């Protein structure tokens, strides 16, 4: 099946946007880790060196989280967009959080699809879960092979899910 060709006549009510998911818990972890790492500099370089180290580490960590969130959101947006273009019915995409994972819940008539992962570059990981079964991969790997990923997930979720519900 070509992903670009709709397989069903279903219409989507999705607005076309994936909400931002900057996570305060991840930012808090970054700030605490930066503070601990910077405190090591107090005996050797004094408070000015520790303050400079804190600013450098905290701003770098926040930047890496923002890049990771943007990457995961872009992947989620592309996956959902390709599914809708192929005829999958998506009602809404909402943001949620679970532990230290940043997640989006894709609401479909067949159930919820959870797309998310760790939003911190360079260790950003993408996780996709549907009906209790999940798969995880490096976010850069998923982004590089987004067409194949979207097609295989579409077959698994929308086509096989439809056949299972009809039976």
C-alpha atoms as a PDB file:
ATOM      1  CA  UNK A   1       0.000   0.000   0.000  1.00  0.00           C
ATOM      2  CA  UNK A   2       1.239   3.460  -0.810  1.00  0.00           C
ATOM      3  CA  UNK A   3       0.980   5.742   2.197  1.00  0.00           C
ATOM      4  CA  UNK A   4      -0.144   8.673   0.061  1.00  0.00           C
ATOM      5  CA  UNK A   5      -3.296   6.890  -1.117  1.00  0.00           C
ATOM      6  CA  UNK A   6      -6.218   6.939   1.302  1.00  0.00           C
ATOM      7  CA  UNK A   7      -7.444   3.442   2.078  1.00  0.00           C
ATOM      8  CA  UNK A   8     -10.705   4.547   3.708  1.00  0.00           C
ATOM      9  CA  UNK A   9     -13.183   7.329   3.270  1.00  0.00           C
ATOM     10  CA  UNK A  10     -12.744   8.466   6.897  1.00  0.00           C
ATOM     11  CA  UNK A  11     -12.432  12.120   7.679  1.00  0.00           C
ATOM     12  CA  UNK A  12     -10.170  13.571  10.303  1.00  0.00           C
ATOM     13  CA  UNK A  13     -11.165  16.176  12.865  1.00  0.00           C
ATOM     14  CA  UNK A  14      -7.560  16.919  13.860  1.00  0.00           C
ATOM     15  CA  UNK A  15      -6.723  20.638  13.761  1.00  0.00           C
ATOM     16  CA  UNK A  16      -3.320  20.040  12.193  1.00  0.00           C
ATOM     17  CA  UNK A  17      -1.202  21.230  15.116  1.00  0.00           C
ATOM     18  CA  UNK A  18       0.758  19.328  17.725  1.00  0.00           C
ATOM     19  CA  UNK A  19       0.954  21.259  21.020  1.00  0.00           C
ATOM     20  CA  UNK A  20       4.287  22.337  22.439  1.00  0.00           C
ATOM     21  CA  UNK A  21       5.610  20.134  25.221  1.00  0.00           C
ATOM     22  CA  UNK A  22       8.381  21.990  27.020  1.00  0.00           C
ATOM     23  CA  UNK A  23       8.592  19.989  30.232  1.00  0.00           C
ATOM     24  CA  UNK A  24       9.207  21.791  33.535  1.00  0.00           C
ATOM     25  CA  UNK A  25      10.374  18.529  35.163  1.00  0.00           C
ATOM     26  CA  UNK A  26      13.152  18.081  32.619  1.00  0.00           C
ATOM     27  CA  UNK A  27      14.113  21.737  32.984  1.00  0.00           C
ATOM     28  CA  UNK A  28      14.188  21.294  36.771  1.00  0.00           C
ATOM     29  CA  UNK A  29      16.434  18.259  36.419  1.00  0.00           C
ATOM     30  CA  UNK A  30      18.754  20.254  34.156  1.00  0.00           C
ATOM     31  CA  UNK A  31      18.965  23.142  36.636  1.00  0.00           C
ATOM     32  CA  UNK A  32      19.590  20.852  39.640  1.00  0.00           C
ATOM     33  CA  UNK A  33      22.257  18.910  37.745  1.00  0.00           C
ATOM     34  CA  UNK A  34      23.909  22.155  36.619  1.00  0.00           C
ATOM     35  CA  UNK A  35      23.891  23.455  40.206  1.00  0.00           C
ATOM     36  CA  UNK A  36      25.489  20.267  41.529  1.00  0.00           C
ATOM     37  CA  UNK A  37      28.122  20.247  38.800  1.00  0.00           C
ATOM     38  CA  UNK A  38      28.857  23.947  39.281  1.00  0.00           C
ATOM     39  CA  UNK A  39      29.198  23.555  43.054  1.00  0.00           C
ATOM     40  CA  UNK A  40      32.282  21.433  42.481  1.00  0.00           C
ATOM     41  CA  UNK A  41      34.027  24.579  41.231  1.00  0.00           C
ATOM     42  CA  UNK A  42      33.563  26.519  44.503  1.00  0.00           C
ATOM     43  CA  UNK A  43      36.700  25.185  46.268  1.00  0.00           C
ATOM     44  CA  UNK A  44      38.872  25.572  43.161  1.00  0.00           C
ATOM     45  CA  UNK A  45      37.683  28.727  41.400  1.00  0.00           C
ATOM     46  CA  UNK A  46      35.469  30.427  43.947  1.00  0.00           C
ATOM     47  CA  UNK A  47      31.894  31.627  43.598  1.00  0.00           C
ATOM     48  CA  UNK A  48      32.447  33.529  40.334  1.00  0.00           C
ATOM     49  CA  UNK A  49      33.733  30.392  38.608  1.00  0.00           C
ATOM     50  CA  UNK A  50      30.880  28.310  40.060  1.00  0.00           C
ATOM     51  CA  UNK A  51      28.323  30.890  38.896  1.00  0.00           C
ATOM     52  CA  UNK A  52      29.812  30.948  35.397  1.00  0.00           C
ATOM     53  CA  UNK A  53      29.804  27.139  35.280  1.00  0.00           C
ATOM     54  CA  UNK A  54      26.171  27.069  36.442  1.00  0.00           C
ATOM     55  CA  UNK A  55      25.052  29.553  33.778  1.00  0.00           C
ATOM     56  CA  UNK A  56      26.938  27.663  31.080  1.00  0.00           C
ATOM     57  CA  UNK A  57      25.642  24.229  32.110  1.00  0.00           C
ATOM     58  CA  UNK A  58      22.065  25.336  32.773  1.00  0.00           C
ATOM     59  CA  UNK A  59      21.718  27.282  29.521  1.00  0.00           C
ATOM     60  CA  UNK A  60      23.255  24.401  27.579  1.00  0.00           C
ATOM     61  CA  UNK A  61      20.907  21.895  29.220  1.00  0.00           C
ATOM     62  CA  UNK A  62      17.835  24.048  28.564  1.00  0.00           C
ATOM     63  CA  UNK A  63      18.900  24.443  24.946  1.00  0.00           C
ATOM     64  CA  UNK A  64      19.342  20.683  24.564  1.00  0.00           C
ATOM     65  CA  UNK A  65      15.879  20.064  26.033  1.00  0.00           C
ATOM     66  CA  UNK A  66      14.294  22.598  23.682  1.00  0.00           C
ATOM     67  CA  UNK A  67      16.018  20.952  20.710  1.00  0.00           C
ATOM     68  CA  UNK A  68      14.898  17.500  21.867  1.00  0.00           C
ATOM     69  CA  UNK A  69      11.293  18.647  22.358  1.00  0.00           C
ATOM     70  CA  UNK A  70      11.287  20.274  18.950  1.00  0.00           C
ATOM     71  CA  UNK A  71      12.629  17.092  17.322  1.00  0.00           C
ATOM     72  CA  UNK A  72      10.024  14.862  18.989  1.00  0.00           C
ATOM     73  CA  UNK A  73       7.216  17.308  18.188  1.00  0.00           C
ATOM     74  CA  UNK A  74       8.317  17.499  14.551  1.00  0.00           C
ATOM     75  CA  UNK A  75       8.374  13.680  14.288  1.00  0.00           C
ATOM     76  CA  UNK A  76       4.932  13.450  15.913  1.00  0.00           C
ATOM     77  CA  UNK A  77       3.553  16.095  13.561  1.00  0.00           C
ATOM     78  CA  UNK A  78       4.965  14.327  10.504  1.00  0.00           C
ATOM     79  CA  UNK A  79       3.654  10.914  11.601  1.00  0.00           C
ATOM     80  CA  UNK A  80       0.144  12.195  12.291  1.00  0.00           C
ATOM     81  CA  UNK A  81       0.124  14.254   9.084  1.00  0.00           C
ATOM     82  CA  UNK A  82       1.129  11.244   6.987  1.00  0.00           C
ATOM     83  CA  UNK A  83      -1.487   9.048   8.687  1.00  0.00           C
ATOM     84  CA  UNK A  84      -4.237  11.585   8.003  1.00  0.00           C
ATOM     85  CA  UNK A  85      -3.096  11.985   4.385  1.00  0.00           C
ATOM     86  CA  UNK A  86      -3.282   8.199   3.980  1.00  0.00           C
ATOM     87  CA  UNK A  87      -6.850   8.091   5.261  1.00  0.00           C
ATOM     88  CA  UNK A  88      -6.391   7.439   8.972  1.00  0.00           C
ATOM     89  CA  UNK A  89      -8.914   9.117  11.233  1.00  0.00           C
ATOM     90  CA  UNK A  90      -7.340  11.291  13.921  1.00  0.00           C
ATOM     91  CA  UNK A  91      -9.658  13.154  16.269  1.00  0.00           C
ATOM     92  CA  UNK A  92      -7.134  15.171  18.274  1.00  0.00           C
ATOM     93  CA  UNK A  93      -3.544  15.356  19.491  1.00  0.00           C
ATOM     94  CA  UNK A  94      -2.994  16.357  23.117  1.00  0.00           C
ATOM     95  CA  UNK A  95       0.074  16.737  25.306  1.00  0.00           C
ATOM     96  CA  UNK A  96       0.696  14.593  28.371  1.00  0.00           C
ATOM     97  CA  UNK A  97       3.618  13.547  30.540  1.00  0.00           C
ATOM     98  CA  UNK A  98       4.635  10.302  32.142  1.00  0.00           C
ATOM     99  CA  UNK A  99       7.664  10.189  34.405  1.00  0.00           C
ATOM    100  CA  UNK A 100      10.492  11.973  32.619  1.00  0.00           C
ATOM    101  CA  UNK A 101       8.988  11.315  29.173  1.00  0.00           C
ATOM    102  CA  UNK A 102       7.383  13.997  27.072  1.00  0.00           C
ATOM    103  CA  UNK A 103       4.334  12.574  25.326  1.00  0.00           C
ATOM    104  CA  UNK A 104       1.552  13.350  22.896  1.00  0.00           C
ATOM    105  CA  UNK A 105      -1.645  11.323  22.808  1.00  0.00           C
ATOM    106  CA  UNK A 106      -3.120  10.838  19.358  1.00  0.00           C
ATOM    107  CA  UNK A 107      -6.838  10.210  19.796  1.00  0.00           C
ATOM    108  CA  UNK A 108      -8.398   7.937  17.163  1.00  0.00           C
ATOM    109  CA  UNK A 109     -11.711   6.053  17.045  1.00  0.00           C
ATOM    110  CA  UNK A 110      -9.713   2.824  17.476  1.00  0.00           C
ATOM    111  CA  UNK A 111      -7.953   4.021  20.668  1.00  0.00           C
ATOM    112  CA  UNK A 112      -5.083   6.214  21.810  1.00  0.00           C
ATOM    113  CA  UNK A 113      -1.640   6.194  20.266  1.00  0.00           C
ATOM    114  CA  UNK A 114       1.063   7.533  22.606  1.00  0.00           C
ATOM    115  CA  UNK A 115       4.045   9.127  20.872  1.00  0.00           C
ATOM    116  CA  UNK A 116       6.833  10.597  22.951  1.00  0.00           C
ATOM    117  CA  UNK A 117      10.128   9.943  24.587  1.00  0.00           C
ATOM    118  CA  UNK A 118      13.074  11.590  26.220  1.00  0.00           C
ATOM    119  CA  UNK A 119      13.293  15.169  24.951  1.00  0.00           C
ATOM    120  CA  UNK A 120      16.966  15.844  25.526  1.00  0.00           C
ATOM    121  CA  UNK A 121      19.384  15.930  22.597  1.00  0.00           C
ATOM    122  CA  UNK A 122      21.726  13.972  22.043  1.00  0.00           C
ATOM    123  CA  UNK A 123      19.985  11.115  23.853  1.00  0.00           C
ATOM    124  CA  UNK A 124      16.505  11.864  22.461  1.00  0.00           C
ATOM    125  CA  UNK A 125      14.501   8.665  22.080  1.00  0.00           C
ATOM    126  CA  UNK A 126      11.164   8.196  20.352  1.00  0.00           C
ATOM    127  CA  UNK A 127       8.599   5.780  21.743  1.00  0.00           C
ATOM    128  CA  UNK A 128       5.319   4.808  20.053  1.00  0.00           C
ATOM    129  CA  UNK A 129       2.732   2.830  22.021  1.00  0.00           C
ATOM    130  CA  UNK A 130      -0.638   1.519  20.869  1.00  0.00           C
ATOM    131  CA  UNK A 131      -2.894  -0.905  22.735  1.00  0.00           C
ATOM    132  CA  UNK A 132      -0.201  -1.640  25.298  1.00  0.00           C
ATOM    133  CA  UNK A 133       2.462  -2.550  22.733  1.00  0.00           C
ATOM    134  CA  UNK A 134       5.324  -0.141  22.232  1.00  0.00           C
ATOM    135  CA  UNK A 135       8.522   0.367  20.324  1.00  0.00           C
ATOM    136  CA  UNK A 136      11.452   2.669  21.056  1.00  0.00           C
ATOM    137  CA  UNK A 137      14.182   3.989  18.796  1.00  0.00           C
ATOM    138  CA  UNK A 138      16.634   6.860  18.578  1.00  0.00           C
ATOM    139  CA  UNK A 139      14.826  10.042  17.533  1.00  0.00           C
ATOM    140  CA  UNK A 140      17.447  10.807  14.871  1.00  0.00           C
ATOM    141  CA  UNK A 141      16.942   7.328  13.396  1.00  0.00           C
ATOM    142  CA  UNK A 142      13.170   7.829  13.322  1.00  0.00           C
ATOM    143  CA  UNK A 143      13.542  11.252  11.716  1.00  0.00           C
ATOM    144  CA  UNK A 144      15.877   9.917   9.026  1.00  0.00           C
ATOM    145  CA  UNK A 145      13.450   7.134   8.071  1.00  0.00           C
ATOM    146  CA  UNK A 146      10.133   8.918   8.760  1.00  0.00           C
ATOM    147  CA  UNK A 147       8.381   7.724   5.583  1.00  0.00           C
ATOM    148  CA  UNK A 148       9.025   4.046   6.271  1.00  0.00           C
ATOM    149  CA  UNK A 149       8.165   4.481   9.965  1.00  0.00           C
ATOM    150  CA  UNK A 150       4.882   6.247   9.154  1.00  0.00           C
ATOM    151  CA  UNK A 151       3.911   3.591   6.619  1.00  0.00           C
ATOM    152  CA  UNK A 152       4.669   0.641   8.886  1.00  0.00           C
ATOM    153  CA  UNK A 153       2.879   2.225  11.858  1.00  0.00           C
ATOM    154  CA  UNK A 154      -0.092   3.108   9.636  1.00  0.00           C
ATOM    155  CA  UNK A 155      -0.408  -0.511   8.515  1.00  0.00           C
ATOM    156  CA  UNK A 156      -0.130  -1.762  12.081  1.00  0.00           C
ATOM    157  CA  UNK A 157      -2.467   0.749  13.707  1.00  0.00           C
ATOM    158  CA  UNK A 158      -5.040   1.761  11.137  1.00  0.00           C
ATOM    159  CA  UNK A 159      -5.243  -1.213   8.773  1.00  0.00           C
ATOM    160  CA  UNK A 160      -4.692  -4.117  11.154  1.00  0.00           C
ATOM    161  CA  UNK A 161      -6.606  -2.286  13.899  1.00  0.00           C
ATOM    162  CA  UNK A 162      -9.555  -1.861  11.525  1.00  0.00           C
ATOM    163  CA  UNK A 163      -9.509  -5.532  10.519  1.00  0.00           C
ATOM    164  CA  UNK A 164      -9.374  -6.600  14.176  1.00  0.00           C
ATOM    165  CA  UNK A 165     -12.383  -4.448  15.092  1.00  0.00           C
ATOM    166  CA  UNK A 166     -14.418  -5.727  12.132  1.00  0.00           C
ATOM    167  CA  UNK A 167     -13.794  -9.368  13.072  1.00  0.00           C
END
